[in-house]
PDB file of N, CA and C in Angstrom:
ATOM      1  N   VAL A   1       0.851  -1.172   0.000  1.00  0.00           N
ATOM      2  CA  VAL A   1       0.000   0.000   0.000  1.00  0.00           C
ATOM      3  C   VAL A   1       0.901   1.240   0.000  1.00  0.00           C
ATOM      4  N   THR A   2       0.512   2.239  -0.776  1.00  0.00           N
ATOM      5  CA  THR A   2       1.227   3.509  -0.774  1.00  0.00           C
ATOM      6  C   THR A   2       0.235   4.631  -0.501  1.00  0.00           C
ATOM      7  N   VAL A   3       0.730   5.697   0.136  1.00  0.00           N
ATOM      8  CA  VAL A   3      -0.108   6.822   0.523  1.00  0.00           C
ATOM      9  C   VAL A   3       0.494   8.091  -0.061  1.00  0.00           C
ATOM     10  N   SER A   4      -0.360   9.040  -0.442  1.00  0.00           N
ATOM     11  CA  SER A   4       0.066  10.233  -1.161  1.00  0.00           C
ATOM     12  C   SER A   4       0.695  11.324  -0.300  1.00  0.00           C
ATOM     13  N   THR A   5       0.698  11.193   1.006  1.00  0.00           N
ATOM     14  CA  THR A   5       1.245  12.235   1.873  1.00  0.00           C
ATOM     15  C   THR A   5       1.980  11.606   3.043  1.00  0.00           C
ATOM     16  N   ASP A   6       2.931  12.329   3.616  1.00  0.00           N
ATOM     17  CA  ASP A   6       3.704  11.762   4.722  1.00  0.00           C
ATOM     18  C   ASP A   6       3.183  12.157   6.093  1.00  0.00           C
ATOM     19  N   THR A   7       2.077  12.876   6.162  1.00  0.00           N
ATOM     20  CA  THR A   7       1.504  13.250   7.454  1.00  0.00           C
ATOM     21  C   THR A   7       0.283  12.395   7.790  1.00  0.00           C
ATOM     22  N   VAL A   8       0.297  11.165   7.291  1.00  0.00           N
ATOM     23  CA  VAL A   8      -0.768  10.205   7.570  1.00  0.00           C
ATOM     24  C   VAL A   8      -0.143   8.977   8.217  1.00  0.00           C
ATOM     25  N   LEU A   9      -0.707   8.569   9.343  1.00  0.00           N
ATOM     26  CA  LEU A   9      -0.270   7.352  10.014  1.00  0.00           C
ATOM     27  C   LEU A   9      -1.001   6.188   9.364  1.00  0.00           C
ATOM     28  N   VAL A  10      -0.267   5.168   8.945  1.00  0.00           N
ATOM     29  CA  VAL A  10      -0.863   3.982   8.331  1.00  0.00           C
ATOM     30  C   VAL A  10      -0.543   2.786   9.198  1.00  0.00           C
ATOM     31  N   THR A  11      -1.574   2.079   9.634  1.00  0.00           N
ATOM     32  CA  THR A  11      -1.410   0.860  10.417  1.00  0.00           C
ATOM     33  C   THR A  11      -2.073  -0.273   9.664  1.00  0.00           C
ATOM     34  N   GLU A  12      -1.326  -1.348   9.429  1.00  0.00           N
ATOM     35  CA  GLU A  12      -1.871  -2.506   8.731  1.00  0.00           C
ATOM     36  C   GLU A  12      -2.336  -3.529   9.748  1.00  0.00           C
ATOM     37  N   LEU A  13      -3.554  -3.994   9.577  1.00  0.00           N
ATOM     38  CA  LEU A  13      -4.129  -5.038  10.427  1.00  0.00           C
ATOM     39  C   LEU A  13      -4.334  -6.269   9.554  1.00  0.00           C
ATOM     40  N   TYR A  14      -4.046  -7.449  10.075  1.00  0.00           N
ATOM     41  CA  TYR A  14      -4.145  -8.675   9.283  1.00  0.00           C
ATOM     42  C   TYR A  14      -4.994  -9.700  10.009  1.00  0.00           C
ATOM     43  N   ASP A  15      -5.982 -10.257   9.307  1.00  0.00           N
ATOM     44  CA  ASP A  15      -6.841 -11.318   9.825  1.00  0.00           C
ATOM     45  C   ASP A  15      -6.346 -12.629   9.219  1.00  0.00           C
ATOM     46  N   SER A  16      -5.614 -13.419   9.994  1.00  0.00           N
ATOM     47  CA  SER A  16      -5.005 -14.649   9.471  1.00  0.00           C
ATOM     48  C   SER A  16      -6.026 -15.743   9.176  1.00  0.00           C
ATOM     49  N   GLN A  17      -7.221 -15.651   9.737  1.00  0.00           N
ATOM     50  CA  GLN A  17      -8.242 -16.652   9.456  1.00  0.00           C
ATOM     51  C   GLN A  17      -8.927 -16.399   8.111  1.00  0.00           C
ATOM     52  N   ARG A  18      -9.060 -15.137   7.751  1.00  0.00           N
ATOM     53  CA  ARG A  18      -9.718 -14.780   6.481  1.00  0.00           C
ATOM     54  C   ARG A  18      -8.738 -14.263   5.435  1.00  0.00           C
ATOM     55  N   TYR A  19      -7.484 -14.137   5.823  1.00  0.00           N
ATOM     56  CA  TYR A  19      -6.431 -13.642   4.920  1.00  0.00           C
ATOM     57  C   TYR A  19      -6.747 -12.251   4.383  1.00  0.00           C
ATOM     58  N   ASN A  20      -7.285 -11.402   5.245  1.00  0.00           N
ATOM     59  CA  ASN A  20      -7.632 -10.029   4.879  1.00  0.00           C
ATOM     60  C   ASN A  20      -6.639  -9.042   5.483  1.00  0.00           C
ATOM     61  N   HIS A  21      -6.348  -8.007   4.723  1.00  0.00           N
ATOM     62  CA  HIS A  21      -5.562  -6.880   5.214  1.00  0.00           C
ATOM     63  C   HIS A  21      -6.491  -5.683   5.316  1.00  0.00           C
ATOM     64  N   MET A  22      -6.457  -5.009   6.455  1.00  0.00           N
ATOM     65  CA  MET A  22      -7.233  -3.791   6.662  1.00  0.00           C
ATOM     66  C   MET A  22      -6.250  -2.706   7.077  1.00  0.00           C
ATOM     67  N   TYR A  23      -6.533  -1.475   6.670  1.00  0.00           N
ATOM     68  CA  TYR A  23      -5.616  -0.380   6.949  1.00  0.00           C
ATOM     69  C   TYR A  23      -6.334   0.725   7.695  1.00  0.00           C
ATOM     70  N   MET A  24      -5.702   1.205   8.778  1.00  0.00           N
ATOM     71  CA  MET A  24      -6.183   2.371   9.490  1.00  0.00           C
ATOM     72  C   MET A  24      -5.320   3.534   9.024  1.00  0.00           C
ATOM     73  N   LEU A  25      -5.953   4.602   8.549  1.00  0.00           N
ATOM     74  CA  LEU A  25      -5.241   5.787   8.098  1.00  0.00           C
ATOM     75  C   LEU A  25      -5.713   6.960   8.933  1.00  0.00           C
ATOM     76  N   MET A  26      -4.772   7.703   9.501  1.00  0.00           N
ATOM     77  CA  MET A  26      -5.111   8.816  10.385  1.00  0.00           C
ATOM     78  C   MET A  26      -4.339  10.062   9.985  1.00  0.00           C
ATOM     79  N   ASN A  27      -5.038  11.175   9.903  1.00  0.00           N
ATOM     80  CA  ASN A  27      -4.421  12.478   9.672  1.00  0.00           C
ATOM     81  C   ASN A  27      -3.733  12.864  10.979  1.00  0.00           C
ATOM     82  N   THR A  28      -2.406  12.938  10.964  1.00  0.00           N
ATOM     83  CA  THR A  28      -1.644  13.171  12.195  1.00  0.00           C
ATOM     84  C   THR A  28      -1.411  14.645  12.507  1.00  0.00           C
ATOM     85  N   ILE A  29      -1.975  15.536  11.726  1.00  0.00           N
ATOM     86  CA  ILE A  29      -1.828  16.959  12.016  1.00  0.00           C
ATOM     87  C   ILE A  29      -2.621  17.287  13.275  1.00  0.00           C
ATOM     88  N   ASP A  30      -2.015  18.031  14.178  1.00  0.00           N
ATOM     89  CA  ASP A  30      -2.653  18.444  15.429  1.00  0.00           C
ATOM     90  C   ASP A  30      -3.846  19.343  15.099  1.00  0.00           C
ATOM     91  N   PRO A  31      -5.042  19.006  15.560  1.00  0.00           N
ATOM     92  CA  PRO A  31      -6.222  19.816  15.259  1.00  0.00           C
ATOM     93  C   PRO A  31      -6.123  21.266  15.724  1.00  0.00           C
ATOM     94  N   SER A  32      -5.271  21.547  16.691  1.00  0.00           N
ATOM     95  CA  SER A  32      -5.164  22.920  17.183  1.00  0.00           C
ATOM     96  C   SER A  32      -4.221  23.783  16.332  1.00  0.00           C
ATOM     97  N   GLN A  33      -3.547  23.172  15.377  1.00  0.00           N
ATOM     98  CA  GLN A  33      -2.608  23.900  14.522  1.00  0.00           C
ATOM     99  C   GLN A  33      -3.299  24.384  13.245  1.00  0.00           C
ATOM    100  N   LYS A  34      -2.754  25.408  12.646  1.00  0.00           N
ATOM    101  CA  LYS A  34      -3.231  25.904  11.358  1.00  0.00           C
ATOM    102  C   LYS A  34      -2.063  25.930  10.385  1.00  0.00           C
ATOM    103  N   ASN A  35      -2.366  25.734   9.125  1.00  0.00           N
ATOM    104  CA  ASN A  35      -1.326  25.869   8.104  1.00  0.00           C
ATOM    105  C   ASN A  35      -0.845  27.305   8.069  1.00  0.00           C
ATOM    106  N   ASN A  36       0.315  27.543   7.504  1.00  0.00           N
ATOM    107  CA  ASN A  36       0.876  28.891   7.420  1.00  0.00           C
ATOM    108  C   ASN A  36      -0.060  29.865   6.725  1.00  0.00           C
ATOM    109  N   ASN A  37      -0.884  29.371   5.812  1.00  0.00           N
ATOM    110  CA  ASN A  37      -1.793  30.253   5.083  1.00  0.00           C
ATOM    111  C   ASN A  37      -3.134  30.431   5.797  1.00  0.00           C
ATOM    112  N   GLY A  38      -3.276  29.910   6.986  1.00  0.00           N
ATOM    113  CA  GLY A  38      -4.481  30.104   7.771  1.00  0.00           C
ATOM    114  C   GLY A  38      -5.633  29.167   7.441  1.00  0.00           C
ATOM    115  N   LYS A  39      -5.458  28.275   6.473  1.00  0.00           N
ATOM    116  CA  LYS A  39      -6.520  27.335   6.128  1.00  0.00           C
ATOM    117  C   LYS A  39      -6.582  26.214   7.145  1.00  0.00           C
ATOM    118  N   ASP A  40      -7.629  25.420   7.047  1.00  0.00           N
ATOM    119  CA  ASP A  40      -7.774  24.321   8.005  1.00  0.00           C
ATOM    120  C   ASP A  40      -6.730  23.242   7.748  1.00  0.00           C
ATOM    121  N   THR A  41      -6.731  22.227   8.565  1.00  0.00           N
ATOM    122  CA  THR A  41      -5.711  21.185   8.508  1.00  0.00           C
ATOM    123  C   THR A  41      -6.239  19.892   7.895  1.00  0.00           C
ATOM    124  N   SER A  42      -7.292  19.966   7.098  1.00  0.00           N
ATOM    125  CA  SER A  42      -7.800  18.798   6.377  1.00  0.00           C
ATOM    126  C   SER A  42      -6.811  18.399   5.294  1.00  0.00           C
ATOM    127  N   GLN A  43      -6.810  17.108   4.962  1.00  0.00           N
ATOM    128  CA  GLN A  43      -5.931  16.604   3.917  1.00  0.00           C
ATOM    129  C   GLN A  43      -6.701  15.744   2.936  1.00  0.00           C
ATOM    130  N   ASN A  44      -6.411  15.919   1.662  1.00  0.00           N
ATOM    131  CA  ASN A  44      -6.869  14.984   0.644  1.00  0.00           C
ATOM    132  C   ASN A  44      -5.821  13.893   0.561  1.00  0.00           C
ATOM    133  N   ILE A  45      -6.253  12.651   0.675  1.00  0.00           N
ATOM    134  CA  ILE A  45      -5.344  11.512   0.750  1.00  0.00           C
ATOM    135  C   ILE A  45      -5.730  10.504  -0.328  1.00  0.00           C
ATOM    136  N   THR A  46      -4.731   9.984  -1.005  1.00  0.00           N
ATOM    137  CA  THR A  46      -4.947   8.882  -1.941  1.00  0.00           C
ATOM    138  C   THR A  46      -4.149   7.700  -1.450  1.00  0.00           C
ATOM    139  N   VAL A  47      -4.823   6.572  -1.259  1.00  0.00           N
ATOM    140  CA  VAL A  47      -4.159   5.333  -0.866  1.00  0.00           C
ATOM    141  C   VAL A  47      -4.294   4.366  -2.036  1.00  0.00           C
ATOM    142  N   THR A  48      -3.157   3.779  -2.440  1.00  0.00           N
ATOM    143  CA  THR A  48      -3.135   2.864  -3.578  1.00  0.00           C
ATOM    144  C   THR A  48      -2.791   1.465  -3.085  1.00  0.00           C
ATOM    145  N   PHE A  49      -3.608   0.506  -3.500  1.00  0.00           N
ATOM    146  CA  PHE A  49      -3.439  -0.886  -3.080  1.00  0.00           C
ATOM    147  C   PHE A  49      -2.817  -1.700  -4.208  1.00  0.00           C
ATOM    148  N   ASP A  50      -2.450  -2.942  -3.904  1.00  0.00           N
ATOM    149  CA  ASP A  50      -1.910  -3.847  -4.914  1.00  0.00           C
ATOM    150  C   ASP A  50      -2.916  -4.039  -6.041  1.00  0.00           C
ATOM    151  N   SER A  51      -2.399  -4.395  -7.199  1.00  0.00           N
ATOM    152  CA  SER A  51      -3.289  -4.625  -8.338  1.00  0.00           C
ATOM    153  C   SER A  51      -4.261  -5.753  -8.017  1.00  0.00           C
ATOM    154  N   GLY A  52      -5.398  -5.700  -8.604  1.00  0.00           N
ATOM    155  CA  GLY A  52      -6.426  -6.704  -8.366  1.00  0.00           C
ATOM    156  C   GLY A  52      -7.498  -6.245  -7.401  1.00  0.00           C
ATOM    157  N   CYS A  53      -7.251  -5.211  -6.627  1.00  0.00           N
ATOM    158  CA  CYS A  53      -8.258  -4.664  -5.722  1.00  0.00           C
ATOM    159  C   CYS A  53      -9.147  -3.705  -6.512  1.00  0.00           C
ATOM    160  N   THR A  54     -10.430  -3.978  -6.507  1.00  0.00           N
ATOM    161  CA  THR A  54     -11.351  -3.121  -7.266  1.00  0.00           C
ATOM    162  C   THR A  54     -12.380  -2.425  -6.386  1.00  0.00           C
ATOM    163  N   ARG A  55     -12.576  -2.928  -5.176  1.00  0.00           N
ATOM    164  CA  ARG A  55     -13.554  -2.337  -4.263  1.00  0.00           C
ATOM    165  C   ARG A  55     -12.978  -2.362  -2.853  1.00  0.00           C
ATOM    166  N   ALA A  56     -13.614  -1.602  -1.956  1.00  0.00           N
ATOM    167  CA  ALA A  56     -13.164  -1.573  -0.561  1.00  0.00           C
ATOM    168  C   ALA A  56     -14.338  -1.214   0.339  1.00  0.00           C
ATOM    169  N   TYR A  57     -14.287  -1.726   1.554  1.00  0.00           N
ATOM    170  CA  TYR A  57     -15.184  -1.270   2.601  1.00  0.00           C
ATOM    171  C   TYR A  57     -14.448  -0.161   3.346  1.00  0.00           C
ATOM    172  N   VAL A  58     -15.160   0.907   3.650  1.00  0.00           N
ATOM    173  CA  VAL A  58     -14.585   2.033   4.370  1.00  0.00           C
ATOM    174  C   VAL A  58     -15.387   2.222   5.654  1.00  0.00           C
ATOM    175  N   TYR A  59     -14.693   2.252   6.783  1.00  0.00           N
ATOM    176  CA  TYR A  59     -15.318   2.430   8.086  1.00  0.00           C
ATOM    177  C   TYR A  59     -14.903   3.790   8.623  1.00  0.00           C
ATOM    178  N   LYS A  60     -15.891   4.667   8.805  1.00  0.00           N
ATOM    179  CA  LYS A  60     -15.609   6.025   9.283  1.00  0.00           C
ATOM    180  C   LYS A  60     -16.767   6.484  10.152  1.00  0.00           C
ATOM    181  N   ASN A  61     -16.441   7.000  11.327  1.00  0.00           N
ATOM    182  CA  ASN A  61     -17.450   7.504  12.266  1.00  0.00           C
ATOM    183  C   ASN A  61     -18.529   6.469  12.572  1.00  0.00           C
ATOM    184  N   GLY A  62     -18.140   5.214  12.701  1.00  0.00           N
ATOM    185  CA  GLY A  62     -19.075   4.151  13.048  1.00  0.00           C
ATOM    186  C   GLY A  62     -19.949   3.675  11.899  1.00  0.00           C
ATOM    187  N   GLU A  63     -19.738   4.189  10.711  1.00  0.00           N
ATOM    188  CA  GLU A  63     -20.519   3.803   9.536  1.00  0.00           C
ATOM    189  C   GLU A  63     -19.647   3.010   8.564  1.00  0.00           C
ATOM    190  N   ARG A  64     -20.259   2.063   7.863  1.00  0.00           N
ATOM    191  CA  ARG A  64     -19.550   1.306   6.837  1.00  0.00           C
ATOM    192  C   ARG A  64     -20.136   1.652   5.480  1.00  0.00           C
ATOM    193  N   SER A  65     -19.252   1.918   4.523  1.00  0.00           N
ATOM    194  CA  SER A  65     -19.694   2.145   3.147  1.00  0.00           C
ATOM    195  C   SER A  65     -18.822   1.306   2.230  1.00  0.00           C
ATOM    196  N   GLU A  66     -19.307   1.086   1.035  1.00  0.00           N
ATOM    197  CA  GLU A  66     -18.557   0.333   0.041  1.00  0.00           C
ATOM    198  C   GLU A  66     -18.218   1.273  -1.103  1.00  0.00           C
ATOM    199  N   VAL A  67     -16.957   1.274  -1.537  1.00  0.00           N
ATOM    200  CA  VAL A  67     -16.514   2.181  -2.593  1.00  0.00           C
ATOM    201  C   VAL A  67     -15.858   1.385  -3.714  1.00  0.00           C
ATOM    202  N   THR A  68     -15.882   1.964  -4.905  1.00  0.00           N
ATOM    203  CA  THR A  68     -15.176   1.407  -6.044  1.00  0.00           C
ATOM    204  C   THR A  68     -13.823   2.084  -6.150  1.00  0.00           C
ATOM    205  N   LEU A  69     -12.769   1.289  -6.294  1.00  0.00           N
ATOM    206  CA  LEU A  69     -11.422   1.827  -6.418  1.00  0.00           C
ATOM    207  C   LEU A  69     -11.149   2.158  -7.880  1.00  0.00           C
ATOM    208  N   THR A  70     -10.500   3.282  -8.114  1.00  0.00           N
ATOM    209  CA  THR A  70     -10.103   3.686  -9.455  1.00  0.00           C
ATOM    210  C   THR A  70      -8.613   3.457  -9.585  1.00  0.00           C
ATOM    211  N   ASN A  71      -8.213   2.580 -10.502  1.00  0.00           N
ATOM    212  CA  ASN A  71      -6.801   2.218 -10.658  1.00  0.00           C
ATOM    213  C   ASN A  71      -6.192   1.752  -9.335  1.00  0.00           C
ATOM    214  N   ASN A  72      -6.937   0.933  -8.608  1.00  0.00           N
ATOM    215  CA  ASN A  72      -6.523   0.362  -7.314  1.00  0.00           C
ATOM    216  C   ASN A  72      -6.366   1.409  -6.228  1.00  0.00           C
ATOM    217  N   ALA A  73      -6.942   2.612  -6.408  1.00  0.00           N
ATOM    218  CA  ALA A  73      -6.736   3.702  -5.462  1.00  0.00           C
ATOM    219  C   ALA A  73      -8.065   4.247  -4.940  1.00  0.00           C
ATOM    220  N   TYR A  74      -7.995   4.803  -3.739  1.00  0.00           N
ATOM    221  CA  TYR A  74      -9.144   5.443  -3.095  1.00  0.00           C
ATOM    222  C   TYR A  74      -8.683   6.801  -2.593  1.00  0.00           C
ATOM    223  N   THR A  75      -9.420   7.845  -2.933  1.00  0.00           N
ATOM    224  CA  THR A  75      -9.094   9.207  -2.514  1.00  0.00           C
ATOM    225  C   THR A  75     -10.185   9.716  -1.592  1.00  0.00           C
ATOM    226  N   PHE A  76      -9.783  10.355  -0.483  1.00  0.00           N
ATOM    227  CA  PHE A  76     -10.729  10.837   0.511  1.00  0.00           C
ATOM    228  C   PHE A  76     -10.107  11.987   1.275  1.00  0.00           C
ATOM    229  N   THR A  77     -10.894  12.636   2.113  1.00  0.00           N
ATOM    230  CA  THR A  77     -10.425  13.762   2.918  1.00  0.00           C
ATOM    231  C   THR A  77     -10.576  13.419   4.388  1.00  0.00           C
ATOM    232  N   LEU A  78      -9.541  13.733   5.158  1.00  0.00           N
ATOM    233  CA  LEU A  78      -9.590  13.572   6.612  1.00  0.00           C
ATOM    234  C   LEU A  78      -9.285  14.910   7.259  1.00  0.00           C
ATOM    235  N   THR A  79     -10.061  15.264   8.270  1.00  0.00           N
ATOM    236  CA  THR A  79      -9.748  16.449   9.056  1.00  0.00           C
ATOM    237  C   THR A  79      -8.625  16.094  10.027  1.00  0.00           C
ATOM    238  N   ALA A  80      -8.025  17.080  10.636  1.00  0.00           N
ATOM    239  CA  ALA A  80      -6.928  16.853  11.575  1.00  0.00           C
ATOM    240  C   ALA A  80      -7.379  15.925  12.701  1.00  0.00           C
ATOM    241  N   GLY A  81      -6.591  14.873  12.954  1.00  0.00           N
ATOM    242  CA  GLY A  81      -6.883  13.924  14.019  1.00  0.00           C
ATOM    243  C   GLY A  81      -7.895  12.852  13.657  1.00  0.00           C
ATOM    244  N   GLU A  82      -8.508  12.928  12.500  1.00  0.00           N
ATOM    245  CA  GLU A  82      -9.537  11.970  12.088  1.00  0.00           C
ATOM    246  C   GLU A  82      -8.897  10.725  11.479  1.00  0.00           C
ATOM    247  N   ALA A  83      -9.570   9.570  11.647  1.00  0.00           N
ATOM    248  CA  ALA A  83      -9.071   8.306  11.113  1.00  0.00           C
ATOM    249  C   ALA A  83     -10.168   7.576  10.349  1.00  0.00           C
ATOM    250  N   VAL A  84      -9.733   6.681   9.480  1.00  0.00           N
ATOM    251  CA  VAL A  84     -10.639   5.861   8.691  1.00  0.00           C
ATOM    252  C   VAL A  84      -9.997   4.467   8.560  1.00  0.00           C
ATOM    253  N   TYR A  85     -10.829   3.433   8.479  1.00  0.00           N
ATOM    254  CA  TYR A  85     -10.354   2.077   8.225  1.00  0.00           C
ATOM    255  C   TYR A  85     -10.779   1.687   6.822  1.00  0.00           C
ATOM    256  N   VAL A  86      -9.863   1.065   6.069  1.00  0.00           N
ATOM    257  CA  VAL A  86     -10.161   0.661   4.701  1.00  0.00           C
ATOM    258  C   VAL A  86      -9.807  -0.812   4.538  1.00  0.00           C
ATOM    259  N   LEU A  87     -10.777  -1.602   4.057  1.00  0.00           N
ATOM    260  CA  LEU A  87     -10.588  -3.021   3.804  1.00  0.00           C
ATOM    261  C   LEU A  87     -10.744  -3.267   2.304  1.00  0.00           C
ATOM    262  N   PRO A  88      -9.620  -3.325   1.555  1.00  0.00           N
ATOM    263  CA  PRO A  88      -9.706  -3.527   0.111  1.00  0.00           C
ATOM    264  C   PRO A  88      -9.984  -4.978  -0.237  1.00  0.00           C
ATOM    265  N   TYR A  89     -10.666  -5.189  -1.357  1.00  0.00           N
ATOM    266  CA  TYR A  89     -10.863  -6.561  -1.879  1.00  0.00           C
ATOM    267  C   TYR A  89     -11.003  -6.548  -3.372  1.00  0.00           C
TER     268      TYR A  89
END
């Protein structure tokens, strides 16, 4: 898995019974900080998975959604301190 920015924490979780990899991605920018230009600390993030992954389950704020991956990638926005779990398949 590759991520488009270096201010995102990526944790890989592995389910050995189902052979699934799930990824937790978190915007590590401190919510109390502001960018030099005064804008918020949200980030647009693109995570790219190995070839063959066409869809993913996304878990955010206690909700699960299913997304279609474009070129094995998923792009989303996280506010400062926010995290999301992604299970590609």
